[in-house]
Each structure stands twice: as C-alpha cells, then as structure tokens.
Amino acid sequence: MAWIALEQMEFWAYHGCFTEEQVIGTRFMIDLYIETDTSKAELSDDLNDTINYQSVYKVVKNEMQIPSKLLEHLGRRILTSVFTRFPKISYAKIKISKLNPALGGKIGSVSVNLEEKR
C-alpha cells in the first residue's frame, strides 16, 4: 500500500453559513491523503496502473464549486466523490481549511478533518 498526497490545494469558494461568505467568498486550503495499492504501477511505470492525481484534483475542484454551509458537509461530499470515482482507494483523509475566517479577530484558519476507510 502507498499514500498519494495532494497538499495545499488552494481554491476561492463560497462556503459558509453567513451571507457575506456565500456572496463574497474566501480562500480555502485542502490537503487530501489517499491510500491505494500501487504495486503494479511501481513495476509497470504506467499511469493506468495507479490513481491519477490530476483526476483526483479535478474531482476536488468540481466539489469546491458547489457551495456548502458547513465544512463538514463539503468534506463528506469530496470524500464520497473521490471514493466513487476511484474505487481502488482503500482509505482517505481530508483537511479543509478556511483561510482568514471572519470571526471578529485575527485568526489564520479554521479547519475540519475527516477520514474514511473502505
């Protein structure tokens, strides 16, 4: 088994409970770690024998374009989409960070972490 990591994916999106967040938007950072068997690709050097991380990125990007009120909901949607699109994934962990959230004070980010094993 091996880990494939897509780290520090940055998006401008419209997730949040407040109207301002849904209209103005803000920056989000996502780290996604997936576990899969790469033994065949290790020998073949063929992209078809592994998980194409560009395709994974596109799944995440598509989900980021659909507004959610909660980061928890967004994270679950992303994990569900990734597992559906790539059935060879056995485990995934995602961290979604909202950068510079408007909480009435200086704060770098808030984040939610979800993980799932199949």
PDB file of N, CA and C in Angstrom:
ATOM      1  N   MET A   1       0.832  -1.176   0.000  1.00  0.00           N
ATOM      2  CA  MET A   1       0.000   0.000   0.000  1.00  0.00           C
ATOM      3  C   MET A   1       0.878   1.240   0.000  1.00  0.00           C
ATOM      4  N   ALA A   2       0.309   2.281  -0.543  1.00  0.00           N
ATOM      5  CA  ALA A   2       1.048   3.535  -0.631  1.00  0.00           C
ATOM      6  C   ALA A   2       0.096   4.700  -0.384  1.00  0.00           C
ATOM      7  N   TRP A   3       0.687   5.836  -0.070  1.00  0.00           N
ATOM      8  CA  TRP A   3      -0.068   7.075   0.107  1.00  0.00           C
ATOM      9  C   TRP A   3       0.188   7.992  -1.074  1.00  0.00           C
ATOM     10  N   ILE A   4      -0.879   8.579  -1.573  1.00  0.00           N
ATOM     11  CA  ILE A   4      -0.776   9.658  -2.552  1.00  0.00           C
ATOM     12  C   ILE A   4      -1.339  10.895  -1.861  1.00  0.00           C
ATOM     13  N   ALA A   5      -0.578  11.958  -1.832  1.00  0.00           N
ATOM     14  CA  ALA A   5      -0.982  13.175  -1.127  1.00  0.00           C
ATOM     15  C   ALA A   5      -1.112  14.333  -2.101  1.00  0.00           C
ATOM     16  N   LEU A   6      -2.224  15.012  -2.016  1.00  0.00           N
ATOM     17  CA  LEU A   6      -2.429  16.274  -2.729  1.00  0.00           C
ATOM     18  C   LEU A   6      -2.525  17.328  -1.642  1.00  0.00           C
ATOM     19  N   GLU A   7      -1.473  18.121  -1.497  1.00  0.00           N
ATOM     20  CA  GLU A   7      -1.375  19.045  -0.379  1.00  0.00           C
ATOM     21  C   GLU A   7      -1.441  20.492  -0.857  1.00  0.00           C
ATOM     22  N   GLN A   8      -2.024  21.301   0.002  1.00  0.00           N
ATOM     23  CA  GLN A   8      -2.107  22.748  -0.204  1.00  0.00           C
ATOM     24  C   GLN A   8      -2.813  23.124  -1.508  1.00  0.00           C
ATOM     25  N   MET A   9      -3.882  22.401  -1.821  1.00  0.00           N
ATOM     26  CA  MET A   9      -4.720  22.800  -2.953  1.00  0.00           C
ATOM     27  C   MET A   9      -5.495  24.029  -2.500  1.00  0.00           C
ATOM     28  N   GLU A  10      -5.359  25.111  -3.231  1.00  0.00           N
ATOM     29  CA  GLU A  10      -5.995  26.360  -2.819  1.00  0.00           C
ATOM     30  C   GLU A  10      -7.107  26.724  -3.790  1.00  0.00           C
ATOM     31  N   PHE A  11      -8.237  27.123  -3.218  1.00  0.00           N
ATOM     32  CA  PHE A  11      -9.411  27.483  -4.010  1.00  0.00           C
ATOM     33  C   PHE A  11     -10.056  28.741  -3.444  1.00  0.00           C
ATOM     34  N   TRP A  12     -10.678  29.509  -4.325  1.00  0.00           N
ATOM     35  CA  TRP A  12     -11.574  30.590  -3.914  1.00  0.00           C
ATOM     36  C   TRP A  12     -12.970  30.015  -4.057  1.00  0.00           C
ATOM     37  N   ALA A  13     -13.739  30.035  -2.965  1.00  0.00           N
ATOM     38  CA  ALA A  13     -15.052  29.400  -3.000  1.00  0.00           C
ATOM     39  C   ALA A  13     -16.023  30.139  -2.083  1.00  0.00           C
ATOM     40  N   TYR A  14     -17.257  29.684  -2.081  1.00  0.00           N
ATOM     41  CA  TYR A  14     -18.365  30.392  -1.435  1.00  0.00           C
ATOM     42  C   TYR A  14     -19.054  29.529  -0.386  1.00  0.00           C
ATOM     43  N   HIS A  15     -18.271  28.924   0.487  1.00  0.00           N
ATOM     44  CA  HIS A  15     -18.799  28.068   1.538  1.00  0.00           C
ATOM     45  C   HIS A  15     -18.909  28.863   2.835  1.00  0.00           C
ATOM     46  N   GLY A  16     -19.992  28.652   3.547  1.00  0.00           N
ATOM     47  CA  GLY A  16     -20.153  29.288   4.849  1.00  0.00           C
ATOM     48  C   GLY A  16     -21.609  29.513   5.184  1.00  0.00           C
ATOM     49  N   CYS A  17     -21.857  29.764   6.454  1.00  0.00           N
ATOM     50  CA  CYS A  17     -23.228  29.997   6.933  1.00  0.00           C
ATOM     51  C   CYS A  17     -23.661  31.449   6.765  1.00  0.00           C
ATOM     52  N   PHE A  18     -22.699  32.350   6.731  1.00  0.00           N
ATOM     53  CA  PHE A  18     -23.030  33.774   6.642  1.00  0.00           C
ATOM     54  C   PHE A  18     -23.228  34.203   5.193  1.00  0.00           C
ATOM     55  N   THR A  19     -24.184  35.089   4.978  1.00  0.00           N
ATOM     56  CA  THR A  19     -24.497  35.588   3.632  1.00  0.00           C
ATOM     57  C   THR A  19     -23.254  36.163   2.963  1.00  0.00           C
ATOM     58  N   GLU A  20     -22.442  36.888   3.733  1.00  0.00           N
ATOM     59  CA  GLU A  20     -21.237  37.507   3.170  1.00  0.00           C
ATOM     60  C   GLU A  20     -20.304  36.451   2.582  1.00  0.00           C
ATOM     61  N   GLU A  21     -20.163  35.332   3.272  1.00  0.00           N
ATOM     62  CA  GLU A  21     -19.299  34.253   2.782  1.00  0.00           C
ATOM     63  C   GLU A  21     -19.838  33.665   1.478  1.00  0.00           C
ATOM     64  N   GLN A  22     -21.151  33.577   1.384  1.00  0.00           N
ATOM     65  CA  GLN A  22     -21.790  32.996   0.210  1.00  0.00           C
ATOM     66  C   GLN A  22     -21.753  33.941  -0.988  1.00  0.00           C
ATOM     67  N   VAL A  23     -21.610  35.247  -0.730  1.00  0.00           N
ATOM     68  CA  VAL A  23     -21.597  36.240  -1.807  1.00  0.00           C
ATOM     69  C   VAL A  23     -20.171  36.636  -2.176  1.00  0.00           C
ATOM     70  N   ILE A  24     -19.368  36.964  -1.177  1.00  0.00           N
ATOM     71  CA  ILE A  24     -18.008  37.461  -1.421  1.00  0.00           C
ATOM     72  C   ILE A  24     -17.029  36.306  -1.633  1.00  0.00           C
ATOM     73  N   GLY A  25     -17.203  35.236  -0.875  1.00  0.00           N
ATOM     74  CA  GLY A  25     -16.288  34.102  -0.960  1.00  0.00           C
ATOM     75  C   GLY A  25     -15.039  34.320  -0.129  1.00  0.00           C
ATOM     76  N   THR A  26     -14.226  33.288  -0.074  1.00  0.00           N
ATOM     77  CA  THR A  26     -12.960  33.347   0.651  1.00  0.00           C
ATOM     78  C   THR A  26     -12.048  32.230   0.152  1.00  0.00           C
ATOM     79  N   ARG A  27     -10.829  32.216   0.667  1.00  0.00           N
ATOM     80  CA  ARG A  27      -9.844  31.206   0.258  1.00  0.00           C
ATOM     81  C   ARG A  27      -9.943  29.975   1.147  1.00  0.00           C
ATOM     82  N   PHE A  28      -9.742  28.835   0.527  1.00  0.00           N
ATOM     83  CA  PHE A  28      -9.728  27.548   1.217  1.00  0.00           C
ATOM     84  C   PHE A  28      -8.482  26.788   0.813  1.00  0.00           C
ATOM     85  N   MET A  29      -7.968  26.020   1.759  1.00  0.00           N
ATOM     86  CA  MET A  29      -6.814  25.152   1.506  1.00  0.00           C
ATOM     87  C   MET A  29      -7.241  23.726   1.838  1.00  0.00           C
ATOM     88  N   ILE A  30      -6.914  22.806   0.936  1.00  0.00           N
ATOM     89  CA  ILE A  30      -7.284  21.406   1.150  1.00  0.00           C
ATOM     90  C   ILE A  30      -6.057  20.517   1.035  1.00  0.00           C
ATOM     91  N   ASP A  31      -5.946  19.604   1.991  1.00  0.00           N
ATOM     92  CA  ASP A  31      -4.955  18.532   1.946  1.00  0.00           C
ATOM     93  C   ASP A  31      -5.733  17.228   1.881  1.00  0.00           C
ATOM     94  N   LEU A  32      -5.403  16.390   0.913  1.00  0.00           N
ATOM     95  CA  LEU A  32      -6.089  15.117   0.733  1.00  0.00           C
ATOM     96  C   LEU A  32      -5.050  14.004   0.647  1.00  0.00           C
ATOM     97  N   TYR A  33      -5.225  12.984   1.478  1.00  0.00           N
ATOM     98  CA  TYR A  33      -4.325  11.836   1.505  1.00  0.00           C
ATOM     99  C   TYR A  33      -5.145  10.594   1.173  1.00  0.00           C
ATOM    100  N   ILE A  34      -4.679   9.848   0.182  1.00  0.00           N
ATOM    101  CA  ILE A  34      -5.391   8.632  -0.206  1.00  0.00           C
ATOM    102  C   ILE A  34      -4.428   7.445  -0.157  1.00  0.00           C
ATOM    103  N   GLU A  35      -4.977   6.329   0.285  1.00  0.00           N
ATOM    104  CA  GLU A  35      -4.191   5.097   0.357  1.00  0.00           C
ATOM    105  C   GLU A  35      -4.716   4.141  -0.703  1.00  0.00           C
ATOM    106  N   THR A  36      -3.776   3.568  -1.442  1.00  0.00           N
ATOM    107  CA  THR A  36      -4.137   2.636  -2.505  1.00  0.00           C
ATOM    108  C   THR A  36      -2.962   1.693  -2.766  1.00  0.00           C
ATOM    109  N   ASP A  37      -3.238   0.629  -3.452  1.00  0.00           N
ATOM    110  CA  ASP A  37      -2.186  -0.326  -3.821  1.00  0.00           C
ATOM    111  C   ASP A  37      -1.517   0.159  -5.107  1.00  0.00           C
ATOM    112  N   THR A  38      -0.259   0.515  -5.011  1.00  0.00           N
ATOM    113  CA  THR A  38       0.484   0.995  -6.184  1.00  0.00           C
ATOM    114  C   THR A  38       1.508  -0.027  -6.684  1.00  0.00           C
ATOM    115  N   SER A  39       1.451  -1.241  -6.181  1.00  0.00           N
ATOM    116  CA  SER A  39       2.486  -2.227  -6.518  1.00  0.00           C
ATOM    117  C   SER A  39       2.587  -2.471  -8.026  1.00  0.00           C
ATOM    118  N   LYS A  40       1.469  -2.522  -8.722  1.00  0.00           N
ATOM    119  CA  LYS A  40       1.507  -2.740 -10.169  1.00  0.00           C
ATOM    120  C   LYS A  40       2.192  -1.570 -10.885  1.00  0.00           C
ATOM    121  N   ALA A  41       1.843  -0.341 -10.502  1.00  0.00           N
ATOM    122  CA  ALA A  41       2.444   0.849 -11.119  1.00  0.00           C
ATOM    123  C   ALA A  41       3.933   0.962 -10.802  1.00  0.00           C
ATOM    124  N   GLU A  42       4.316   0.491  -9.636  1.00  0.00           N
ATOM    125  CA  GLU A  42       5.727   0.531  -9.252  1.00  0.00           C
ATOM    126  C   GLU A  42       6.580  -0.284 -10.215  1.00  0.00           C
ATOM    127  N   LEU A  43       6.007  -1.330 -10.778  1.00  0.00           N
ATOM    128  CA  LEU A  43       6.735  -2.183 -11.724  1.00  0.00           C
ATOM    129  C   LEU A  43       6.517  -1.772 -13.176  1.00  0.00           C
ATOM    130  N   SER A  44       5.312  -1.322 -13.494  1.00  0.00           N
ATOM    131  CA  SER A  44       4.974  -1.052 -14.891  1.00  0.00           C
ATOM    132  C   SER A  44       5.362   0.343 -15.366  1.00  0.00           C
ATOM    133  N   ASP A  45       5.436   1.307 -14.445  1.00  0.00           N
ATOM    134  CA  ASP A  45       5.679   2.710 -14.798  1.00  0.00           C
ATOM    135  C   ASP A  45       4.561   3.228 -15.715  1.00  0.00           C
ATOM    136  N   ASP A  46       3.342   2.736 -15.508  1.00  0.00           N
ATOM    137  CA  ASP A  46       2.187   3.081 -16.343  1.00  0.00           C
ATOM    138  C   ASP A  46       1.145   3.792 -15.489  1.00  0.00           C
ATOM    139  N   LEU A  47       0.765   4.981 -15.911  1.00  0.00           N
ATOM    140  CA  LEU A  47      -0.217   5.785 -15.184  1.00  0.00           C
ATOM    141  C   LEU A  47      -1.546   5.065 -15.012  1.00  0.00           C
ATOM    142  N   ASN A  48      -1.900   4.208 -15.937  1.00  0.00           N
ATOM    143  CA  ASN A  48      -3.157   3.465 -15.846  1.00  0.00           C
ATOM    144  C   ASN A  48      -3.177   2.457 -14.691  1.00  0.00           C
ATOM    145  N   ASP A  49      -2.022   2.198 -14.102  1.00  0.00           N
ATOM    146  CA  ASP A  49      -1.929   1.228 -13.015  1.00  0.00           C
ATOM    147  C   ASP A  49      -1.937   1.875 -11.632  1.00  0.00           C
ATOM    148  N   THR A  50      -2.267   3.150 -11.576  1.00  0.00           N
ATOM    149  CA  THR A  50      -2.307   3.858 -10.295  1.00  0.00           C
ATOM    150  C   THR A  50      -3.455   4.855 -10.312  1.00  0.00           C
ATOM    151  N   ILE A  51      -3.544   5.664  -9.267  1.00  0.00           N
ATOM    152  CA  ILE A  51      -4.544   6.725  -9.191  1.00  0.00           C
ATOM    153  C   ILE A  51      -3.911   7.980  -9.789  1.00  0.00           C
ATOM    154  N   ASN A  52      -4.530   8.519 -10.819  1.00  0.00           N
ATOM    155  CA  ASN A  52      -4.039   9.736 -11.463  1.00  0.00           C
ATOM    156  C   ASN A  52      -4.391  10.935 -10.584  1.00  0.00           C
ATOM    157  N   TYR A  53      -3.387  11.554  -9.968  1.00  0.00           N
ATOM    158  CA  TYR A  53      -3.674  12.641  -9.035  1.00  0.00           C
ATOM    159  C   TYR A  53      -4.228  13.874  -9.718  1.00  0.00           C
ATOM    160  N   GLN A  54      -4.013  14.034 -11.032  1.00  0.00           N
ATOM    161  CA  GLN A  54      -4.649  15.135 -11.744  1.00  0.00           C
ATOM    162  C   GLN A  54      -6.169  14.921 -11.785  1.00  0.00           C
ATOM    163  N   SER A  55      -6.580  13.688 -11.980  1.00  0.00           N
ATOM    164  CA  SER A  55      -8.009  13.373 -11.974  1.00  0.00           C
ATOM    165  C   SER A  55      -8.609  13.569 -10.587  1.00  0.00           C
ATOM    166  N   VAL A  56      -7.863  13.229  -9.553  1.00  0.00           N
ATOM    167  CA  VAL A  56      -8.330  13.453  -8.182  1.00  0.00           C
ATOM    168  C   VAL A  56      -8.509  14.950  -7.952  1.00  0.00           C
ATOM    169  N   TYR A  57      -7.538  15.744  -8.382  1.00  0.00           N
ATOM    170  CA  TYR A  57      -7.627  17.196  -8.242  1.00  0.00           C
ATOM    171  C   TYR A  57      -8.894  17.732  -8.899  1.00  0.00           C
ATOM    172  N   LYS A  58      -9.223  17.244 -10.075  1.00  0.00           N
ATOM    173  CA  LYS A  58     -10.416  17.709 -10.780  1.00  0.00           C
ATOM    174  C   LYS A  58     -11.685  17.382 -10.012  1.00  0.00           C
ATOM    175  N   VAL A  59     -11.729  16.224  -9.359  1.00  0.00           N
ATOM    176  CA  VAL A  59     -12.888  15.864  -8.534  1.00  0.00           C
ATOM    177  C   VAL A  59     -13.032  16.866  -7.381  1.00  0.00           C
ATOM    178  N   VAL A  60     -11.923  17.166  -6.707  1.00  0.00           N
ATOM    179  CA  VAL A  60     -11.948  18.122  -5.602  1.00  0.00           C
ATOM    180  C   VAL A  60     -12.378  19.496  -6.109  1.00  0.00           C
ATOM    181  N   LYS A  61     -11.801  19.936  -7.212  1.00  0.00           N
ATOM    182  CA  LYS A  61     -12.136  21.247  -7.778  1.00  0.00           C
ATOM    183  C   LYS A  61     -13.626  21.339  -8.110  1.00  0.00           C
ATOM    184  N   ASN A  62     -14.180  20.300  -8.691  1.00  0.00           N
ATOM    185  CA  ASN A  62     -15.609  20.310  -9.021  1.00  0.00           C
ATOM    186  C   ASN A  62     -16.466  20.433  -7.767  1.00  0.00           C
ATOM    187  N   GLU A  63     -16.128  19.705  -6.720  1.00  0.00           N
ATOM    188  CA  GLU A  63     -16.901  19.781  -5.471  1.00  0.00           C
ATOM    189  C   GLU A  63     -16.755  21.152  -4.811  1.00  0.00           C
ATOM    190  N   MET A  64     -15.596  21.768  -4.948  1.00  0.00           N
ATOM    191  CA  MET A  64     -15.385  23.094  -4.357  1.00  0.00           C
ATOM    192  C   MET A  64     -16.264  24.156  -5.016  1.00  0.00           C
ATOM    193  N   GLN A  65     -16.706  23.921  -6.212  1.00  0.00           N
ATOM    194  CA  GLN A  65     -17.546  24.888  -6.925  1.00  0.00           C
ATOM    195  C   GLN A  65     -19.013  24.823  -6.494  1.00  0.00           C
ATOM    196  N   ILE A  66     -19.381  23.823  -5.697  1.00  0.00           N
ATOM    197  CA  ILE A  66     -20.757  23.673  -5.214  1.00  0.00           C
ATOM    198  C   ILE A  66     -20.803  24.187  -3.777  1.00  0.00           C
ATOM    199  N   PRO A  67     -21.485  25.302  -3.525  1.00  0.00           N
ATOM    200  CA  PRO A  67     -21.489  25.883  -2.177  1.00  0.00           C
ATOM    201  C   PRO A  67     -22.083  24.956  -1.121  1.00  0.00           C
ATOM    202  N   SER A  68     -21.478  24.980   0.053  1.00  0.00           N
ATOM    203  CA  SER A  68     -21.968  24.293   1.249  1.00  0.00           C
ATOM    204  C   SER A  68     -21.918  25.276   2.398  1.00  0.00           C
ATOM    205  N   LYS A  69     -22.808  25.118   3.352  1.00  0.00           N
ATOM    206  CA  LYS A  69     -22.764  25.968   4.542  1.00  0.00           C
ATOM    207  C   LYS A  69     -21.668  25.505   5.493  1.00  0.00           C
ATOM    208  N   LEU A  70     -21.504  24.185   5.598  1.00  0.00           N
ATOM    209  CA  LEU A  70     -20.569  23.632   6.580  1.00  0.00           C
ATOM    210  C   LEU A  70     -19.374  22.953   5.917  1.00  0.00           C
ATOM    211  N   LEU A  71     -18.202  23.126   6.516  1.00  0.00           N
ATOM    212  CA  LEU A  71     -17.008  22.439   6.034  1.00  0.00           C
ATOM    213  C   LEU A  71     -17.166  20.930   6.179  1.00  0.00           C
ATOM    214  N   GLU A  72     -17.887  20.491   7.195  1.00  0.00           N
ATOM    215  CA  GLU A  72     -18.124  19.068   7.398  1.00  0.00           C
ATOM    216  C   GLU A  72     -18.879  18.465   6.210  1.00  0.00           C
ATOM    217  N   HIS A  73     -19.876  19.196   5.739  1.00  0.00           N
ATOM    218  CA  HIS A  73     -20.676  18.736   4.590  1.00  0.00           C
ATOM    219  C   HIS A  73     -19.810  18.695   3.328  1.00  0.00           C
ATOM    220  N   LEU A  74     -19.035  19.731   3.127  1.00  0.00           N
ATOM    221  CA  LEU A  74     -18.136  19.800   1.979  1.00  0.00           C
ATOM    222  C   LEU A  74     -17.132  18.650   1.998  1.00  0.00           C
ATOM    223  N   GLY A  75     -16.555  18.390   3.150  1.00  0.00           N
ATOM    224  CA  GLY A  75     -15.586  17.302   3.271  1.00  0.00           C
ATOM    225  C   GLY A  75     -16.205  15.948   2.967  1.00  0.00           C
ATOM    226  N   ARG A  76     -17.404  15.718   3.456  1.00  0.00           N
ATOM    227  CA  ARG A  76     -18.084  14.447   3.187  1.00  0.00           C
ATOM    228  C   ARG A  76     -18.369  14.306   1.697  1.00  0.00           C
ATOM    229  N   ARG A  77     -18.810  15.392   1.041  1.00  0.00           N
ATOM    230  CA  ARG A  77     -19.078  15.337  -0.400  1.00  0.00           C
ATOM    231  C   ARG A  77     -17.817  15.003  -1.178  1.00  0.00           C
ATOM    232  N   ILE A  78     -16.702  15.619  -0.815  1.00  0.00           N
ATOM    233  CA  ILE A  78     -15.446  15.366  -1.515  1.00  0.00           C
ATOM    234  C   ILE A  78     -15.030  13.906  -1.325  1.00  0.00           C
ATOM    235  N   LEU A  79     -15.067  13.413  -0.094  1.00  0.00           N
ATOM    236  CA  LEU A  79     -14.680  12.018   0.142  1.00  0.00           C
ATOM    237  C   LEU A  79     -15.583  11.056  -0.617  1.00  0.00           C
ATOM    238  N   THR A  80     -16.881  11.299  -0.590  1.00  0.00           N
ATOM    239  CA  THR A  80     -17.818  10.431  -1.316  1.00  0.00           C
ATOM    240  C   THR A  80     -17.501  10.422  -2.802  1.00  0.00           C
ATOM    241  N   SER A  81     -17.241  11.590  -3.376  1.00  0.00           N
ATOM    242  CA  SER A  81     -16.928  11.684  -4.802  1.00  0.00           C
ATOM    243  C   SER A  81     -15.625  10.980  -5.150  1.00  0.00           C
ATOM    244  N   VAL A  82     -14.618  11.140  -4.302  1.00  0.00           N
ATOM    245  CA  VAL A  82     -13.315  10.516  -4.551  1.00  0.00           C
ATOM    246  C   VAL A  82     -13.438   8.990  -4.486  1.00  0.00           C
ATOM    247  N   PHE A  83     -14.118   8.471  -3.471  1.00  0.00           N
ATOM    248  CA  PHE A  83     -14.297   7.022  -3.366  1.00  0.00           C
ATOM    249  C   PHE A  83     -15.128   6.471  -4.517  1.00  0.00           C
ATOM    250  N   THR A  84     -16.130   7.233  -4.951  1.00  0.00           N
ATOM    251  CA  THR A  84     -16.976   6.784  -6.067  1.00  0.00           C
ATOM    252  C   THR A  84     -16.188   6.741  -7.363  1.00  0.00           C
ATOM    253  N   ARG A  85     -15.409   7.767  -7.614  1.00  0.00           N
ATOM    254  CA  ARG A  85     -14.664   7.874  -8.870  1.00  0.00           C
ATOM    255  C   ARG A  85     -13.462   6.933  -8.923  1.00  0.00           C
ATOM    256  N   PHE A  86     -12.880   6.638  -7.763  1.00  0.00           N
ATOM    257  CA  PHE A  86     -11.659   5.820  -7.699  1.00  0.00           C
ATOM    258  C   PHE A  86     -11.863   4.667  -6.708  1.00  0.00           C
ATOM    259  N   PRO A  87     -12.507   3.604  -7.127  1.00  0.00           N
ATOM    260  CA  PRO A  87     -12.822   2.506  -6.207  1.00  0.00           C
ATOM    261  C   PRO A  87     -11.600   1.772  -5.645  1.00  0.00           C
ATOM    262  N   LYS A  88     -10.428   1.985  -6.204  1.00  0.00           N
ATOM    263  CA  LYS A  88      -9.212   1.332  -5.694  1.00  0.00           C
ATOM    264  C   LYS A  88      -8.668   2.019  -4.443  1.00  0.00           C
ATOM    265  N   ILE A  89      -9.255   3.147  -4.067  1.00  0.00           N
ATOM    266  CA  ILE A  89      -8.827   3.821  -2.841  1.00  0.00           C
ATOM    267  C   ILE A  89      -9.383   3.049  -1.653  1.00  0.00           C
ATOM    268  N   SER A  90      -8.508   2.734  -0.693  1.00  0.00           N
ATOM    269  CA  SER A  90      -8.942   1.988   0.487  1.00  0.00           C
ATOM    270  C   SER A  90      -9.133   2.885   1.715  1.00  0.00           C
ATOM    271  N   TYR A  91      -8.523   4.056   1.698  1.00  0.00           N
ATOM    272  CA  TYR A  91      -8.598   4.965   2.836  1.00  0.00           C
ATOM    273  C   TYR A  91      -8.346   6.375   2.316  1.00  0.00           C
ATOM    274  N   ALA A  92      -9.023   7.340   2.909  1.00  0.00           N
ATOM    275  CA  ALA A  92      -8.769   8.737   2.545  1.00  0.00           C
ATOM    276  C   ALA A  92      -8.937   9.621   3.766  1.00  0.00           C
ATOM    277  N   LYS A  93      -8.138  10.653   3.815  1.00  0.00           N
ATOM    278  CA  LYS A  93      -8.208  11.654   4.881  1.00  0.00           C
ATOM    279  C   LYS A  93      -8.155  13.026   4.231  1.00  0.00           C
ATOM    280  N   ILE A  94      -9.036  13.914   4.664  1.00  0.00           N
ATOM    281  CA  ILE A  94      -9.071  15.252   4.100  1.00  0.00           C
ATOM    282  C   ILE A  94      -9.044  16.294   5.208  1.00  0.00           C
ATOM    283  N   LYS A  95      -8.322  17.354   4.971  1.00  0.00           N
ATOM    284  CA  LYS A  95      -8.314  18.517   5.854  1.00  0.00           C
ATOM    285  C   LYS A  95      -8.737  19.710   5.009  1.00  0.00           C
ATOM    286  N   ILE A  96      -9.822  20.357   5.413  1.00  0.00           N
ATOM    287  CA  ILE A  96     -10.305  21.552   4.716  1.00  0.00           C
ATOM    288  C   ILE A  96     -10.114  22.727   5.655  1.00  0.00           C
ATOM    289  N   SER A  97      -9.374  23.729   5.203  1.00  0.00           N
ATOM    290  CA  SER A  97      -9.125  24.928   5.999  1.00  0.00           C
ATOM    291  C   SER A  97      -9.728  26.138   5.316  1.00  0.00           C
ATOM    292  N   LYS A  98     -10.472  26.910   6.088  1.00  0.00           N
ATOM    293  CA  LYS A  98     -10.961  28.214   5.617  1.00  0.00           C
ATOM    294  C   LYS A  98      -9.938  29.235   6.099  1.00  0.00           C
ATOM    295  N   LEU A  99      -9.306  29.929   5.163  1.00  0.00           N
ATOM    296  CA  LEU A  99      -8.233  30.857   5.496  1.00  0.00           C
ATOM    297  C   LEU A  99      -8.802  32.223   5.872  1.00  0.00           C
ATOM    298  N   ASN A 100      -8.245  32.809   6.904  1.00  0.00           N
ATOM    299  CA  ASN A 100      -8.644  34.130   7.392  1.00  0.00           C
ATOM    300  C   ASN A 100     -10.151  34.267   7.572  1.00  0.00           C
ATOM    301  N   PRO A 101     -10.766  33.390   8.363  1.00  0.00           N
ATOM    302  CA  PRO A 101     -12.215  33.476   8.551  1.00  0.00           C
ATOM    303  C   PRO A 101     -12.606  34.731   9.333  1.00  0.00           C
ATOM    304  N   ALA A 102     -13.750  35.264   9.025  1.00  0.00           N
ATOM    305  CA  ALA A 102     -14.260  36.463   9.691  1.00  0.00           C
ATOM    306  C   ALA A 102     -14.910  36.062  11.019  1.00  0.00           C
ATOM    307  N   LEU A 103     -14.100  35.990  12.063  1.00  0.00           N
ATOM    308  CA  LEU A 103     -14.601  35.587  13.374  1.00  0.00           C
ATOM    309  C   LEU A 103     -14.509  36.709  14.403  1.00  0.00           C
ATOM    310  N   GLY A 104     -14.230  37.910  13.944  1.00  0.00           N
ATOM    311  CA  GLY A 104     -14.148  39.036  14.856  1.00  0.00           C
ATOM    312  C   GLY A 104     -12.779  39.251  15.467  1.00  0.00           C
ATOM    313  N   GLY A 105     -11.790  38.580  14.961  1.00  0.00           N
ATOM    314  CA  GLY A 105     -10.424  38.737  15.448  1.00  0.00           C
ATOM    315  C   GLY A 105      -9.453  38.134  14.450  1.00  0.00           C
ATOM    316  N   LYS A 106      -8.169  38.288  14.721  1.00  0.00           N
ATOM    317  CA  LYS A 106      -7.161  37.768  13.795  1.00  0.00           C
ATOM    318  C   LYS A 106      -7.006  36.263  14.023  1.00  0.00           C
ATOM    319  N   ILE A 107      -7.241  35.497  12.945  1.00  0.00           N
ATOM    320  CA  ILE A 107      -7.081  34.043  13.001  1.00  0.00           C
ATOM    321  C   ILE A 107      -6.660  33.573  11.616  1.00  0.00           C
ATOM    322  N   GLY A 108      -5.668  32.724  11.558  1.00  0.00           N
ATOM    323  CA  GLY A 108      -5.121  32.257  10.280  1.00  0.00           C
ATOM    324  C   GLY A 108      -6.066  31.349   9.514  1.00  0.00           C
ATOM    325  N   SER A 109      -6.690  30.408  10.243  1.00  0.00           N
ATOM    326  CA  SER A 109      -7.601  29.485   9.564  1.00  0.00           C
ATOM    327  C   SER A 109      -8.408  28.706  10.592  1.00  0.00           C
ATOM    328  N   VAL A 110      -9.488  28.149  10.113  1.00  0.00           N
ATOM    329  CA  VAL A 110     -10.233  27.126  10.849  1.00  0.00           C
ATOM    330  C   VAL A 110     -10.258  25.916   9.934  1.00  0.00           C
ATOM    331  N   SER A 111     -10.294  24.720  10.512  1.00  0.00           N
ATOM    332  CA  SER A 111     -10.258  23.549   9.643  1.00  0.00           C
ATOM    333  C   SER A 111     -11.089  22.414  10.215  1.00  0.00           C
ATOM    334  N   VAL A 112     -11.451  21.523   9.302  1.00  0.00           N
ATOM    335  CA  VAL A 112     -12.154  20.297   9.637  1.00  0.00           C
ATOM    336  C   VAL A 112     -11.382  19.153   9.000  1.00  0.00           C
ATOM    337  N   ASN A 113     -11.214  18.062   9.747  1.00  0.00           N
ATOM    338  CA  ASN A 113     -10.553  16.865   9.253  1.00  0.00           C
ATOM    339  C   ASN A 113     -11.549  15.719   9.253  1.00  0.00           C
ATOM    340  N   LEU A 114     -11.634  15.010   8.144  1.00  0.00           N
ATOM    341  CA  LEU A 114     -12.475  13.822   8.032  1.00  0.00           C
ATOM    342  C   LEU A 114     -11.624  12.693   7.475  1.00  0.00           C
ATOM    343  N   GLU A 115     -11.960  11.469   7.834  1.00  0.00           N
ATOM    344  CA  GLU A 115     -11.271  10.324   7.251  1.00  0.00           C
ATOM    345  C   GLU A 115     -12.253   9.186   7.107  1.00  0.00           C
ATOM    346  N   GLU A 116     -11.952   8.298   6.162  1.00  0.00           N
ATOM    347  CA  GLU A 116     -12.822   7.154   5.902  1.00  0.00           C
ATOM    348  C   GLU A 116     -12.005   6.002   5.383  1.00  0.00           C
ATOM    349  N   LYS A 117     -12.362   4.816   5.851  1.00  0.00           N
ATOM    350  CA  LYS A 117     -11.733   3.586   5.380  1.00  0.00           C
ATOM    351  C   LYS A 117     -12.790   2.748   4.680  1.00  0.00           C
ATOM    352  N   ARG A 118     -12.436   2.168   3.557  1.00  0.00           N
ATOM    353  CA  ARG A 118     -13.374   1.311   2.833  1.00  0.00           C
ATOM    354  C   ARG A 118     -12.813  -0.076   2.736  1.00  0.00           C
TER     355      ARG A 118
END
